């Protein structure tokens, strides 16, 4: 294994600090409102130094999204290895992780249609490969959960998949958090309940 030089370690540490700042700003303000100047100020470096790591605002945001995708895939791998967990258990665990990450301010909002960020992500092979892998893994669990009756069989699997993806930027989480009257665990439990059980009362659903 090649040992990194001190300069390489400093470079990687700064890059990690930059990506962490971008994730927080994307979660807090969104891509359109985030500026490169804010990222540089957050990390404590000059904008010219930041551009030595990332060539553009789009590259900054794409790096943050790729890192988030990697973390999501790690969570999926951990669920795959969990003994005795059903498909619906795994889907719920990933959704809960998504909500926890959002409440912690580490979940960048999904890019809007026809945005510069969306175009940059489509062109980013690492991100698209990760997205396809994540979609395939979750899609297999959805089909399995539908087969065992845990998820409504009449729903197209892709509709279920996109519903779960939408939890990554669910505005309900932010609204309930801003109200200040509920704990994070309560918010997560409520969003999980509406996502997987719906809004109908048990007698209505029967």
C-alpha atoms as a PDB file:
ATOM      1  CA  UNK A   1       0.000   0.000   0.000  1.00  0.00           C
ATOM      2  CA  UNK A   2       1.386   3.380  -1.051  1.00  0.00           C
ATOM      3  CA  UNK A   3       1.794   5.803   1.818  1.00  0.00           C
ATOM      4  CA  UNK A   4       0.464   9.276   1.271  1.00  0.00           C
ATOM      5  CA  UNK A   5       2.782  12.225   1.644  1.00  0.00           C
ATOM      6  CA  UNK A   6       1.977  14.962   4.130  1.00  0.00           C
ATOM      7  CA  UNK A   7       0.951  17.236   1.264  1.00  0.00           C
ATOM      8  CA  UNK A   8      -1.395  14.570  -0.133  1.00  0.00           C
ATOM      9  CA  UNK A   9      -2.967  14.076   3.285  1.00  0.00           C
ATOM     10  CA  UNK A  10      -3.529  17.822   3.627  1.00  0.00           C
ATOM     11  CA  UNK A  11      -5.038  17.907   0.137  1.00  0.00           C
ATOM     12  CA  UNK A  12      -7.460  15.068   0.918  1.00  0.00           C
ATOM     13  CA  UNK A  13      -8.395  16.537   4.303  1.00  0.00           C
ATOM     14  CA  UNK A  14      -9.177  19.896   2.706  1.00  0.00           C
ATOM     15  CA  UNK A  15     -11.189  18.203  -0.016  1.00  0.00           C
ATOM     16  CA  UNK A  16     -13.213  16.351   2.605  1.00  0.00           C
ATOM     17  CA  UNK A  17     -13.831  19.606   4.476  1.00  0.00           C
ATOM     18  CA  UNK A  18     -15.008  21.238   1.248  1.00  0.00           C
ATOM     19  CA  UNK A  19     -17.443  18.421   0.438  1.00  0.00           C
ATOM     20  CA  UNK A  20     -18.783  18.434   4.004  1.00  0.00           C
ATOM     21  CA  UNK A  21     -19.415  22.181   3.772  1.00  0.00           C
ATOM     22  CA  UNK A  22     -21.141  21.738   0.418  1.00  0.00           C
ATOM     23  CA  UNK A  23     -23.440  19.022   1.797  1.00  0.00           C
ATOM     24  CA  UNK A  24     -24.457  21.250   4.682  1.00  0.00           C
ATOM     25  CA  UNK A  25     -25.073  24.281   2.471  1.00  0.00           C
ATOM     26  CA  UNK A  26     -26.986  22.236  -0.093  1.00  0.00           C
ATOM     27  CA  UNK A  27     -29.185  20.847   2.668  1.00  0.00           C
ATOM     28  CA  UNK A  28     -29.686  24.277   4.212  1.00  0.00           C
ATOM     29  CA  UNK A  29     -30.049  26.503   1.147  1.00  0.00           C
ATOM     30  CA  UNK A  30     -30.331  24.335  -1.947  1.00  0.00           C
ATOM     31  CA  UNK A  31     -28.151  24.395  -5.028  1.00  0.00           C
ATOM     32  CA  UNK A  32     -29.455  27.601  -6.566  1.00  0.00           C
ATOM     33  CA  UNK A  33     -28.882  29.664  -3.417  1.00  0.00           C
ATOM     34  CA  UNK A  34     -25.490  28.192  -2.504  1.00  0.00           C
ATOM     35  CA  UNK A  35     -22.458  30.155  -3.727  1.00  0.00           C
ATOM     36  CA  UNK A  36     -18.835  29.189  -4.190  1.00  0.00           C
ATOM     37  CA  UNK A  37     -17.865  32.149  -1.986  1.00  0.00           C
ATOM     38  CA  UNK A  38     -19.921  30.681   0.862  1.00  0.00           C
ATOM     39  CA  UNK A  39     -18.238  27.306   0.502  1.00  0.00           C
ATOM     40  CA  UNK A  40     -14.768  28.876   0.544  1.00  0.00           C
ATOM     41  CA  UNK A  41     -15.646  30.971   3.603  1.00  0.00           C
ATOM     42  CA  UNK A  42     -17.083  27.937   5.391  1.00  0.00           C
ATOM     43  CA  UNK A  43     -13.841  25.998   4.887  1.00  0.00           C
ATOM     44  CA  UNK A  44     -11.624  29.011   5.546  1.00  0.00           C
ATOM     45  CA  UNK A  45      -9.784  29.077   2.244  1.00  0.00           C
ATOM     46  CA  UNK A  46      -9.563  31.458  -0.695  1.00  0.00           C
ATOM     47  CA  UNK A  47     -11.867  30.844  -3.644  1.00  0.00           C
ATOM     48  CA  UNK A  48      -8.811  30.366  -5.866  1.00  0.00           C
ATOM     49  CA  UNK A  49      -7.641  27.549  -3.585  1.00  0.00           C
ATOM     50  CA  UNK A  50     -11.067  25.928  -3.712  1.00  0.00           C
ATOM     51  CA  UNK A  51     -10.940  25.891  -7.511  1.00  0.00           C
ATOM     52  CA  UNK A  52      -7.748  23.821  -7.317  1.00  0.00           C
ATOM     53  CA  UNK A  53      -9.929  21.025  -5.932  1.00  0.00           C
ATOM     54  CA  UNK A  54     -13.187  21.552  -7.842  1.00  0.00           C
ATOM     55  CA  UNK A  55     -13.458  23.407 -11.131  1.00  0.00           C
ATOM     56  CA  UNK A  56     -17.014  24.700 -10.745  1.00  0.00           C
ATOM     57  CA  UNK A  57     -20.054  24.988  -8.526  1.00  0.00           C
ATOM     58  CA  UNK A  58     -21.552  22.037 -10.397  1.00  0.00           C
ATOM     59  CA  UNK A  59     -18.472  19.938  -9.648  1.00  0.00           C
ATOM     60  CA  UNK A  60     -18.717  20.845  -5.969  1.00  0.00           C
ATOM     61  CA  UNK A  61     -22.349  19.781  -5.756  1.00  0.00           C
ATOM     62  CA  UNK A  62     -21.746  16.627  -7.782  1.00  0.00           C
ATOM     63  CA  UNK A  63     -18.955  15.575  -5.401  1.00  0.00           C
ATOM     64  CA  UNK A  64     -21.313  16.001  -2.457  1.00  0.00           C
ATOM     65  CA  UNK A  65     -24.037  13.976  -4.166  1.00  0.00           C
ATOM     66  CA  UNK A  66     -21.599  11.201  -5.107  1.00  0.00           C
ATOM     67  CA  UNK A  67     -20.433  10.967  -1.494  1.00  0.00           C
ATOM     68  CA  UNK A  68     -24.028  10.800  -0.305  1.00  0.00           C
ATOM     69  CA  UNK A  69     -24.744   8.057  -2.842  1.00  0.00           C
ATOM     70  CA  UNK A  70     -21.768   6.095  -1.535  1.00  0.00           C
ATOM     71  CA  UNK A  71     -23.102   6.397   2.018  1.00  0.00           C
ATOM     72  CA  UNK A  72     -26.536   5.204   0.887  1.00  0.00           C
ATOM     73  CA  UNK A  73     -24.978   2.181  -0.809  1.00  0.00           C
ATOM     74  CA  UNK A  74     -23.057   1.397   2.369  1.00  0.00           C
ATOM     75  CA  UNK A  75     -26.346   1.417   4.261  1.00  0.00           C
ATOM     76  CA  UNK A  76     -27.881  -0.892   1.678  1.00  0.00           C
ATOM     77  CA  UNK A  77     -24.940  -3.287   1.957  1.00  0.00           C
ATOM     78  CA  UNK A  78     -25.309  -3.332   5.742  1.00  0.00           C
ATOM     79  CA  UNK A  79     -29.010  -4.162   5.390  1.00  0.00           C
ATOM     80  CA  UNK A  80     -28.248  -6.888   2.869  1.00  0.00           C
ATOM     81  CA  UNK A  81     -25.989  -8.503   5.460  1.00  0.00           C
ATOM     82  CA  UNK A  82     -28.505  -8.217   8.305  1.00  0.00           C
ATOM     83  CA  UNK A  83     -29.688 -11.742   9.126  1.00  0.00           C
ATOM     84  CA  UNK A  84     -33.410 -12.412   9.280  1.00  0.00           C
ATOM     85  CA  UNK A  85     -34.492  -8.983   8.003  1.00  0.00           C
ATOM     86  CA  UNK A  86     -37.442  -9.018   5.613  1.00  0.00           C
ATOM     87  CA  UNK A  87     -37.592  -6.885   2.479  1.00  0.00           C
ATOM     88  CA  UNK A  88     -39.957  -4.402   4.122  1.00  0.00           C
ATOM     89  CA  UNK A  89     -37.681  -4.213   7.178  1.00  0.00           C
ATOM     90  CA  UNK A  90     -34.766  -3.305   4.919  1.00  0.00           C
ATOM     91  CA  UNK A  91     -36.766  -0.671   3.062  1.00  0.00           C
ATOM     92  CA  UNK A  92     -37.899   0.864   6.332  1.00  0.00           C
ATOM     93  CA  UNK A  93     -34.339   0.908   7.675  1.00  0.00           C
ATOM     94  CA  UNK A  94     -33.018   2.731   4.595  1.00  0.00           C
ATOM     95  CA  UNK A  95     -35.885   5.220   4.712  1.00  0.00           C
ATOM     96  CA  UNK A  96     -35.254   5.863   8.406  1.00  0.00           C
ATOM     97  CA  UNK A  97     -31.558   6.479   7.674  1.00  0.00           C
ATOM     98  CA  UNK A  98     -32.585   8.933   4.946  1.00  0.00           C
ATOM     99  CA  UNK A  99     -34.776  10.882   7.365  1.00  0.00           C
ATOM    100  CA  UNK A 100     -32.103  10.862  10.087  1.00  0.00           C
ATOM    101  CA  UNK A 101     -29.555  12.193   7.595  1.00  0.00           C
ATOM    102  CA  UNK A 102     -31.968  14.913   6.498  1.00  0.00           C
ATOM    103  CA  UNK A 103     -32.688  16.006  10.068  1.00  0.00           C
ATOM    104  CA  UNK A 104     -28.957  16.112  10.774  1.00  0.00           C
ATOM    105  CA  UNK A 105     -28.533  18.620   7.926  1.00  0.00           C
ATOM    106  CA  UNK A 106     -26.446  16.279   5.776  1.00  0.00           C
ATOM    107  CA  UNK A 107     -28.945  15.503   3.015  1.00  0.00           C
ATOM    108  CA  UNK A 108     -28.568  17.678  -0.104  1.00  0.00           C
ATOM    109  CA  UNK A 109     -31.907  18.337  -1.766  1.00  0.00           C
ATOM    110  CA  UNK A 110     -32.532  16.550  -5.041  1.00  0.00           C
ATOM    111  CA  UNK A 111     -31.846  18.664  -8.155  1.00  0.00           C
ATOM    112  CA  UNK A 112     -34.742  20.240 -10.017  1.00  0.00           C
ATOM    113  CA  UNK A 113     -35.638  19.249 -13.559  1.00  0.00           C
ATOM    114  CA  UNK A 114     -33.516  20.981 -16.215  1.00  0.00           C
ATOM    115  CA  UNK A 115     -31.169  22.454 -13.585  1.00  0.00           C
ATOM    116  CA  UNK A 116     -27.426  22.820 -14.076  1.00  0.00           C
ATOM    117  CA  UNK A 117     -26.847  20.416 -11.178  1.00  0.00           C
ATOM    118  CA  UNK A 118     -29.096  17.754 -12.691  1.00  0.00           C
ATOM    119  CA  UNK A 119     -27.238  18.010 -15.984  1.00  0.00           C
ATOM    120  CA  UNK A 120     -23.901  17.761 -14.170  1.00  0.00           C
ATOM    121  CA  UNK A 121     -25.057  14.663 -12.280  1.00  0.00           C
ATOM    122  CA  UNK A 122     -26.303  12.974 -15.438  1.00  0.00           C
ATOM    123  CA  UNK A 123     -22.824  13.485 -16.890  1.00  0.00           C
ATOM    124  CA  UNK A 124     -21.138  12.131 -13.727  1.00  0.00           C
ATOM    125  CA  UNK A 125     -20.481   8.405 -14.236  1.00  0.00           C
ATOM    126  CA  UNK A 126     -19.820   7.697 -10.550  1.00  0.00           C
ATOM    127  CA  UNK A 127     -23.132   9.239  -9.532  1.00  0.00           C
ATOM    128  CA  UNK A 128     -25.168   7.569 -12.271  1.00  0.00           C
ATOM    129  CA  UNK A 129     -23.581   4.169 -11.587  1.00  0.00           C
ATOM    130  CA  UNK A 130     -24.393   4.573  -7.898  1.00  0.00           C
ATOM    131  CA  UNK A 131     -27.957   5.663  -8.655  1.00  0.00           C
ATOM    132  CA  UNK A 132     -28.530   2.654 -10.906  1.00  0.00           C
ATOM    133  CA  UNK A 133     -27.122   0.290  -8.278  1.00  0.00           C
ATOM    134  CA  UNK A 134     -29.225   1.852  -5.528  1.00  0.00           C
ATOM    135  CA  UNK A 135     -32.352   1.698  -7.685  1.00  0.00           C
ATOM    136  CA  UNK A 136     -31.725  -1.963  -8.525  1.00  0.00           C
ATOM    137  CA  UNK A 137     -31.137  -2.927  -4.868  1.00  0.00           C
ATOM    138  CA  UNK A 138     -34.203  -1.101  -3.563  1.00  0.00           C
ATOM    139  CA  UNK A 139     -36.274  -2.234  -6.526  1.00  0.00           C
ATOM    140  CA  UNK A 140     -35.544  -5.882  -5.724  1.00  0.00           C
ATOM    141  CA  UNK A 141     -36.666  -5.348  -2.120  1.00  0.00           C
ATOM    142  CA  UNK A 142     -39.839  -3.615  -3.302  1.00  0.00           C
ATOM    143  CA  UNK A 143     -40.755  -6.500  -5.606  1.00  0.00           C
ATOM    144  CA  UNK A 144     -40.080  -8.961  -2.796  1.00  0.00           C
ATOM    145  CA  UNK A 145     -42.179  -6.924  -0.338  1.00  0.00           C
ATOM    146  CA  UNK A 146     -45.027  -6.825  -2.848  1.00  0.00           C
ATOM    147  CA  UNK A 147     -44.789 -10.579  -3.340  1.00  0.00           C
ATOM    148  CA  UNK A 148     -45.149 -11.224   0.397  1.00  0.00           C
ATOM    149  CA  UNK A 149     -47.977  -8.698   0.745  1.00  0.00           C
ATOM    150  CA  UNK A 150     -46.053  -6.084   2.753  1.00  0.00           C
ATOM    151  CA  UNK A 151     -46.516  -3.458   0.010  1.00  0.00           C
ATOM    152  CA  UNK A 152     -49.602  -2.957  -2.151  1.00  0.00           C
ATOM    153  CA  UNK A 153     -49.242  -5.215  -5.196  1.00  0.00           C
ATOM    154  CA  UNK A 154     -51.282  -2.896  -7.418  1.00  0.00           C
ATOM    155  CA  UNK A 155     -48.642  -0.154  -7.248  1.00  0.00           C
ATOM    156  CA  UNK A 156     -45.966  -0.103  -9.966  1.00  0.00           C
ATOM    157  CA  UNK A 157     -42.599  -0.826  -8.291  1.00  0.00           C
ATOM    158  CA  UNK A 158     -41.136   2.372  -9.758  1.00  0.00           C
ATOM    159  CA  UNK A 159     -43.879   4.428  -8.094  1.00  0.00           C
ATOM    160  CA  UNK A 160     -42.920   2.918  -4.746  1.00  0.00           C
ATOM    161  CA  UNK A 161     -39.221   3.521  -5.460  1.00  0.00           C
ATOM    162  CA  UNK A 162     -39.741   7.193  -6.309  1.00  0.00           C
ATOM    163  CA  UNK A 163     -41.936   7.611  -3.234  1.00  0.00           C
ATOM    164  CA  UNK A 164     -39.073   6.359  -1.068  1.00  0.00           C
ATOM    165  CA  UNK A 165     -36.559   8.561  -2.919  1.00  0.00           C
ATOM    166  CA  UNK A 166     -38.829  11.539  -2.221  1.00  0.00           C
ATOM    167  CA  UNK A 167     -38.349  11.065   1.517  1.00  0.00           C
ATOM    168  CA  UNK A 168     -34.803  12.377   1.008  1.00  0.00           C
ATOM    169  CA  UNK A 169     -36.267  15.859   0.425  1.00  0.00           C
ATOM    170  CA  UNK A 170     -39.609  15.609   2.209  1.00  0.00           C
ATOM    171  CA  UNK A 171     -40.617  19.168   3.255  1.00  0.00           C
ATOM    172  CA  UNK A 172     -42.766  17.748   6.063  1.00  0.00           C
ATOM    173  CA  UNK A 173     -39.565  16.951   7.970  1.00  0.00           C
ATOM    174  CA  UNK A 174     -38.403  20.559   7.823  1.00  0.00           C
ATOM    175  CA  UNK A 175     -41.817  21.971   8.711  1.00  0.00           C
ATOM    176  CA  UNK A 176     -42.143  19.774  11.793  1.00  0.00           C
ATOM    177  CA  UNK A 177     -38.549  20.500  12.819  1.00  0.00           C
ATOM    178  CA  UNK A 178     -39.051  24.254  12.458  1.00  0.00           C
ATOM    179  CA  UNK A 179     -42.103  24.088  14.717  1.00  0.00           C
ATOM    180  CA  UNK A 180     -39.800  23.189  17.581  1.00  0.00           C
ATOM    181  CA  UNK A 181     -42.421  21.169  19.432  1.00  0.00           C
ATOM    182  CA  UNK A 182     -41.349  17.689  18.399  1.00  0.00           C
ATOM    183  CA  UNK A 183     -38.258  15.547  18.823  1.00  0.00           C
ATOM    184  CA  UNK A 184     -36.366  14.157  15.843  1.00  0.00           C
ATOM    185  CA  UNK A 185     -37.461  10.630  16.755  1.00  0.00           C
ATOM    186  CA  UNK A 186     -41.126  11.695  16.787  1.00  0.00           C
ATOM    187  CA  UNK A 187     -40.785  13.367  13.403  1.00  0.00           C
ATOM    188  CA  UNK A 188     -39.135  10.296  11.917  1.00  0.00           C
ATOM    189  CA  UNK A 189     -41.767   7.965  13.361  1.00  0.00           C
ATOM    190  CA  UNK A 190     -44.610  10.101  11.953  1.00  0.00           C
ATOM    191  CA  UNK A 191     -43.110  10.373   8.481  1.00  0.00           C
ATOM    192  CA  UNK A 192     -42.365   6.640   8.476  1.00  0.00           C
ATOM    193  CA  UNK A 193     -45.962   5.937   9.487  1.00  0.00           C
ATOM    194  CA  UNK A 194     -47.457   8.079   6.710  1.00  0.00           C
ATOM    195  CA  UNK A 195     -44.998   6.640   4.169  1.00  0.00           C
ATOM    196  CA  UNK A 196     -45.551   2.962   4.914  1.00  0.00           C
ATOM    197  CA  UNK A 197     -49.033   2.898   6.481  1.00  0.00           C
ATOM    198  CA  UNK A 198     -50.763   5.834   4.787  1.00  0.00           C
ATOM    199  CA  UNK A 199     -53.204   8.335   6.308  1.00  0.00           C
ATOM    200  CA  UNK A 200     -56.340   6.191   6.570  1.00  0.00           C
ATOM    201  CA  UNK A 201     -57.429   4.922   9.947  1.00  0.00           C
ATOM    202  CA  UNK A 202     -57.319   1.178  10.511  1.00  0.00           C
ATOM    203  CA  UNK A 203     -61.101   0.809  10.242  1.00  0.00           C
ATOM    204  CA  UNK A 204     -61.112   2.698   6.942  1.00  0.00           C
ATOM    205  CA  UNK A 205     -58.224   0.639   5.595  1.00  0.00           C
ATOM    206  CA  UNK A 206     -59.834  -2.665   6.589  1.00  0.00           C
END
